[in-house]
N, C-alpha and C. Protein backbone atom coordinates (compact mmCIF):
# COMPACT_ATOMS: atom_id res chain seq x y z
N MET A 1 1.12 -1.09 -0.13
CA MET A 1 -0.09 -0.52 -0.20
C MET A 1 0.84 1.07 -0.19
N GLY A 2 0.15 1.93 -0.71
CA GLY A 2 1.60 3.82 -0.93
C GLY A 2 1.10 4.30 0.26
N VAL A 3 2.28 5.64 0.33
CA VAL A 3 1.54 6.61 1.39
C VAL A 3 0.82 7.51 0.54
N ARG A 4 0.07 7.73 0.98
CA ARG A 4 -1.11 8.39 0.98
C ARG A 4 -0.04 10.14 1.73
N VAL A 5 -0.65 11.66 0.66
CA VAL A 5 0.05 12.80 0.98
C VAL A 5 -0.96 13.63 0.78
N PHE A 6 -1.77 14.56 1.70
CA PHE A 6 -2.96 15.16 1.24
C PHE A 6 -2.63 16.68 1.41
N LEU A 7 -2.47 16.77 0.70
CA LEU A 7 -2.45 18.65 0.50
C LEU A 7 -3.24 19.24 0.75
N ARG A 8 -3.16 20.53 1.57
CA ARG A 8 -4.50 22.16 1.93
C ARG A 8 -4.23 22.46 0.20
N LYS A 9 -5.61 22.27 0.41
CA LYS A 9 -6.76 23.32 -1.14
C LYS A 9 -6.69 24.74 -1.47
N THR A 10 -5.99 25.56 -1.76
CA THR A 10 -5.83 26.49 -1.38
C THR A 10 -6.47 27.48 -3.22
N SER A 11 -6.86 28.69 -3.52
CA SER A 11 -7.17 29.33 -4.94
C SER A 11 -5.84 29.22 -5.51
N ARG A 12 -4.97 28.70 -5.63
CA ARG A 12 -3.69 28.25 -6.32
C ARG A 12 -3.69 26.62 -6.69
N THR A 13 -4.27 25.81 -5.86
CA THR A 13 -4.11 24.27 -6.09
C THR A 13 -4.76 24.20 -7.93
N PRO A 14 -3.42 24.04 -8.30
CA PRO A 14 -4.10 23.59 -10.35
C PRO A 14 -4.64 22.24 -9.99
N LEU A 15 -5.73 22.22 -10.46
CA LEU A 15 -7.54 21.00 -10.31
C LEU A 15 -7.92 21.08 -11.62
N TYR A 16 -7.16 21.28 -12.27
CA TYR A 16 -8.38 21.37 -13.83
C TYR A 16 -8.29 21.90 -14.91
N SER A 17 -8.51 20.45 -15.49
CA SER A 17 -7.84 20.05 -17.69
C SER A 17 -7.63 21.09 -18.12
N ILE A 18 -7.84 21.90 -18.89
CA ILE A 18 -8.42 22.55 -19.33
C ILE A 18 -9.85 22.31 -20.08
N GLY A 19 -10.50 20.90 -20.40
CA GLY A 19 -11.80 20.58 -20.46
C GLY A 19 -12.21 21.25 -19.77
N VAL A 20 -12.37 20.92 -18.30
CA VAL A 20 -12.64 20.70 -17.93
C VAL A 20 -13.45 22.66 -16.74
N ALA A 21 -12.12 23.36 -17.43
CA ALA A 21 -11.90 24.74 -17.14
C ALA A 21 -13.26 25.34 -18.13
N SER A 22 -12.76 24.77 -19.68
CA SER A 22 -13.73 25.40 -20.70
C SER A 22 -14.92 25.27 -19.87
N ARG A 23 -15.52 24.14 -19.81
CA ARG A 23 -16.47 23.75 -19.22
C ARG A 23 -16.81 24.72 -18.23
N LEU A 24 -16.21 25.09 -17.03
CA LEU A 24 -16.97 25.81 -15.64
C LEU A 24 -16.84 27.32 -16.43
N CYS A 25 -15.65 27.62 -17.22
CA CYS A 25 -15.91 28.68 -17.85
C CYS A 25 -17.28 29.88 -18.81
N GLY A 26 -17.01 28.81 -19.09
CA GLY A 26 -18.01 29.14 -20.86
C GLY A 26 -17.16 29.71 -21.97
N ILE A 27 -16.44 28.93 -22.43
CA ILE A 27 -15.15 29.44 -23.06
C ILE A 27 -14.47 28.31 -23.37
N SER A 28 -14.27 28.82 -24.97
CA SER A 28 -13.97 27.06 -25.61
C SER A 28 -12.78 27.00 -25.25
N VAL A 29 -11.98 25.76 -25.97
CA VAL A 29 -10.54 25.35 -25.37
C VAL A 29 -10.13 26.30 -26.01
N HIS A 30 -10.25 26.46 -27.50
CA HIS A 30 -9.24 27.27 -28.51
C HIS A 30 -9.46 28.81 -28.11
N THR A 31 -10.16 29.45 -27.32
CA THR A 31 -10.15 31.01 -26.60
C THR A 31 -9.61 30.95 -24.73
N LEU A 32 -9.08 29.90 -24.94
CA LEU A 32 -8.59 29.38 -23.23
C LEU A 32 -7.10 29.68 -23.98
N ARG A 33 -6.50 28.48 -24.66
CA ARG A 33 -5.23 29.01 -25.53
C ARG A 33 -5.28 30.32 -26.15
N TRP A 34 -5.88 31.21 -26.65
CA TRP A 34 -5.58 32.30 -27.05
C TRP A 34 -5.72 32.92 -25.55
N VAL A 35 -6.16 32.87 -24.50
CA VAL A 35 -5.86 33.93 -23.06
C VAL A 35 -5.03 33.16 -22.59
N GLU A 36 -4.07 32.19 -22.67
CA GLU A 36 -2.92 31.72 -22.38
C GLU A 36 -1.37 32.96 -22.77
N ARG A 37 -1.50 32.37 -24.49
CA ARG A 37 -1.13 32.67 -25.49
C ARG A 37 -1.04 34.77 -25.18
N ALA A 38 -1.27 35.41 -25.19
CA ALA A 38 -1.75 36.38 -25.01
C ALA A 38 -1.58 36.88 -23.36
N GLY A 39 -0.88 35.98 -22.55
CA GLY A 39 0.02 36.29 -21.17
C GLY A 39 -2.16 36.39 -19.78
N LEU A 40 -2.94 36.31 -19.93
CA LEU A 40 -3.92 36.83 -19.31
C LEU A 40 -3.76 35.55 -18.48
N VAL A 41 -3.50 34.27 -18.14
CA VAL A 41 -3.37 34.06 -16.92
C VAL A 41 -1.94 32.45 -17.57
N ALA A 42 -1.39 31.73 -16.91
CA ALA A 42 -0.44 30.79 -16.62
C ALA A 42 -0.79 29.78 -15.55
N PRO A 43 -1.28 29.10 -16.91
CA PRO A 43 -1.45 27.37 -15.48
C PRO A 43 -0.43 26.67 -15.34
N ASN A 44 -0.75 26.14 -14.64
CA ASN A 44 0.42 25.23 -14.20
C ASN A 44 0.43 24.06 -15.27
N ARG A 45 1.52 23.46 -15.92
CA ARG A 45 1.48 22.26 -16.26
C ARG A 45 2.17 21.14 -15.26
N THR A 46 1.61 19.52 -16.02
CA THR A 46 2.47 18.85 -15.25
C THR A 46 3.01 18.41 -16.29
N GLU A 47 4.01 17.45 -15.94
CA GLU A 47 4.99 16.71 -16.38
C GLU A 47 5.04 16.19 -17.64
N GLY A 48 3.37 16.07 -18.46
CA GLY A 48 3.18 15.51 -19.24
C GLY A 48 2.64 16.42 -20.37
N ASN A 49 2.95 18.31 -19.65
CA ASN A 49 2.50 19.81 -20.01
C ASN A 49 0.88 19.75 -20.69
N GLN A 50 1.05 19.01 -19.77
CA GLN A 50 -0.90 19.27 -19.87
C GLN A 50 -0.94 20.95 -18.92
N ARG A 51 -1.37 21.26 -19.28
CA ARG A 51 -2.29 22.46 -18.50
C ARG A 51 -3.69 22.34 -17.26
N LEU A 52 -3.22 22.73 -16.43
CA LEU A 52 -3.31 22.51 -14.53
C LEU A 52 -4.28 23.74 -14.09
N PHE A 53 -5.44 24.44 -14.60
CA PHE A 53 -5.83 25.48 -13.85
C PHE A 53 -6.21 25.32 -12.51
N CYS A 54 -5.98 26.68 -12.09
CA CYS A 54 -6.43 26.65 -10.67
C CYS A 54 -7.72 27.52 -9.95
N ASP A 55 -8.36 28.02 -9.28
CA ASP A 55 -10.03 28.85 -8.74
C ASP A 55 -9.43 29.83 -9.79
N GLU A 56 -8.50 30.60 -9.21
CA GLU A 56 -7.92 31.97 -9.28
C GLU A 56 -8.01 32.02 -10.69
N ASP A 57 -7.47 31.09 -11.40
CA ASP A 57 -6.97 31.32 -13.08
C ASP A 57 -8.51 31.59 -13.66
N LEU A 58 -10.03 30.60 -13.09
CA LEU A 58 -11.19 30.14 -13.15
C LEU A 58 -11.81 32.08 -13.15
N GLU A 59 -11.93 32.25 -11.99
CA GLU A 59 -11.77 33.92 -11.95
C GLU A 59 -12.11 34.67 -13.15
N VAL A 60 -9.98 34.91 -13.08
CA VAL A 60 -9.60 35.33 -14.46
C VAL A 60 -10.82 35.15 -15.81
N LEU A 61 -10.70 33.46 -16.28
CA LEU A 61 -10.45 33.57 -17.40
C LEU A 61 -12.57 33.53 -17.42
N SER A 62 -13.03 34.30 -16.38
CA SER A 62 -14.48 34.08 -16.42
C SER A 62 -14.63 35.54 -16.05
N ALA A 63 -13.96 36.90 -15.65
CA ALA A 63 -14.06 37.92 -16.18
C ALA A 63 -13.50 38.25 -17.35
N VAL A 64 -12.93 37.32 -18.04
CA VAL A 64 -11.98 37.86 -19.39
C VAL A 64 -13.46 37.01 -20.45
N ARG A 65 -13.90 36.48 -19.93
CA ARG A 65 -15.00 35.69 -21.08
C ARG A 65 -16.57 36.84 -21.08
N LYS A 66 -16.49 37.74 -20.15
CA LYS A 66 -17.94 38.87 -19.53
C LYS A 66 -16.99 39.47 -20.53
N LEU A 67 -15.56 40.28 -20.56
CA LEU A 67 -15.18 41.85 -20.75
C LEU A 67 -14.96 40.95 -22.54
N LEU A 68 -15.03 39.71 -23.33
CA LEU A 68 -15.29 39.61 -24.16
C LEU A 68 -16.33 39.95 -25.29
N ALA A 69 -17.75 39.17 -24.40
CA ALA A 69 -19.48 39.52 -24.55
C ALA A 69 -19.59 41.24 -24.48
N GLN A 70 -18.30 41.83 -23.70
CA GLN A 70 -19.05 43.34 -23.84
C GLN A 70 -18.78 44.16 -25.34
N ARG A 71 -17.38 42.86 -25.63
CA ARG A 71 -16.55 43.58 -26.87
C ARG A 71 -15.33 44.26 -26.59
N VAL A 72 -15.03 43.68 -25.65
CA VAL A 72 -13.48 44.54 -25.42
C VAL A 72 -11.99 44.21 -25.64
N ASN A 73 -11.31 44.88 -26.71
CA ASN A 73 -10.53 44.25 -26.68
C ASN A 73 -9.15 43.36 -25.86
N LEU A 74 -8.09 43.18 -26.75
CA LEU A 74 -7.28 42.28 -25.38
C LEU A 74 -7.00 43.35 -24.47
N GLN A 75 -6.23 45.04 -25.53
CA GLN A 75 -5.56 45.47 -24.61
C GLN A 75 -6.14 46.24 -22.93
N GLY A 76 -7.80 46.48 -23.99
CA GLY A 76 -8.93 46.98 -22.72
C GLY A 76 -9.11 45.71 -21.68
N ILE A 77 -8.98 44.08 -21.85
CA ILE A 77 -9.47 43.73 -20.97
C ILE A 77 -7.12 43.49 -20.09
N ARG A 78 -7.01 44.04 -20.69
CA ARG A 78 -5.81 43.48 -19.73
C ARG A 78 -5.04 44.69 -18.40
N VAL A 79 -5.70 46.06 -19.53
CA VAL A 79 -6.07 47.03 -18.12
C VAL A 79 -6.82 47.31 -17.17
N ILE A 80 -8.43 46.87 -17.52
CA ILE A 80 -9.00 45.74 -17.12
C ILE A 80 -9.06 45.08 -15.95
N LEU A 81 -8.45 43.61 -16.00
CA LEU A 81 -8.28 42.84 -15.31
C LEU A 81 -7.03 43.39 -14.70
N ARG A 82 -5.56 44.57 -14.96
CA ARG A 82 -4.62 45.11 -14.24
C ARG A 82 -5.21 45.93 -13.23
N MET A 83 -6.14 46.80 -13.74
CA MET A 83 -7.01 47.87 -12.93
C MET A 83 -7.02 46.34 -11.64
N GLN A 84 -8.26 46.04 -11.78
CA GLN A 84 -8.93 44.78 -10.91
C GLN A 84 -8.11 44.29 -9.67
N SER A 85 -7.37 44.06 -9.56
CA SER A 85 -5.99 43.61 -9.40
C SER A 85 -5.34 44.03 -8.63
N ALA A 86 -5.01 45.35 -8.56
CA ALA A 86 -4.41 46.36 -7.98
C ALA A 86 -5.96 46.81 -6.49
N GLY A 87 -7.01 46.55 -7.15
CA GLY A 87 -8.55 47.19 -6.47
C GLY A 87 -7.98 46.28 -5.26
N ARG A 88 -7.52 45.12 -5.26
CA ARG A 88 -7.88 43.79 -4.77
C ARG A 88 -6.83 44.43 -3.14
N LYS A 89 -5.40 44.12 -4.23
CA LYS A 89 -4.06 44.72 -3.28
C LYS A 89 -4.32 45.74 -2.71
N GLY A 90 -4.75 46.65 -2.99
CA GLY A 90 -4.58 48.17 -2.36
C GLY A 90 -4.81 48.42 -1.38
N GLY A 91 -5.89 47.38 -1.18
CA GLY A 91 -8.20 47.51 -0.16
C GLY A 91 -8.23 49.10 -0.52
N GLY A 92 -8.75 49.38 -1.83
CA GLY A 92 -9.47 50.18 -2.11
C GLY A 92 -9.23 51.67 -2.64
N ARG A 93 -7.61 51.07 -2.40
CA ARG A 93 -6.94 52.67 -2.65
C ARG A 93 -7.51 53.61 -4.18
């Protein structure tokens, strides 16, 4: 019998394959790859080079989906995500 290792799950724990992330966020796999190439998310990779997304990645992807639906371009999405991130870190400044 093998040794069991229990890890504490956080919002940065890589859990979701690209297919699962696609279904959870409502974004096509093709668009997820585009979002990654654009540098908006950086999912972890397995030893086999498979993408694994975490809960924080899913939050960003959901925000990207909403912005794309509003026809915001890539540069606008980058600016908005940066502002949202700074707002969370800065405590409302």
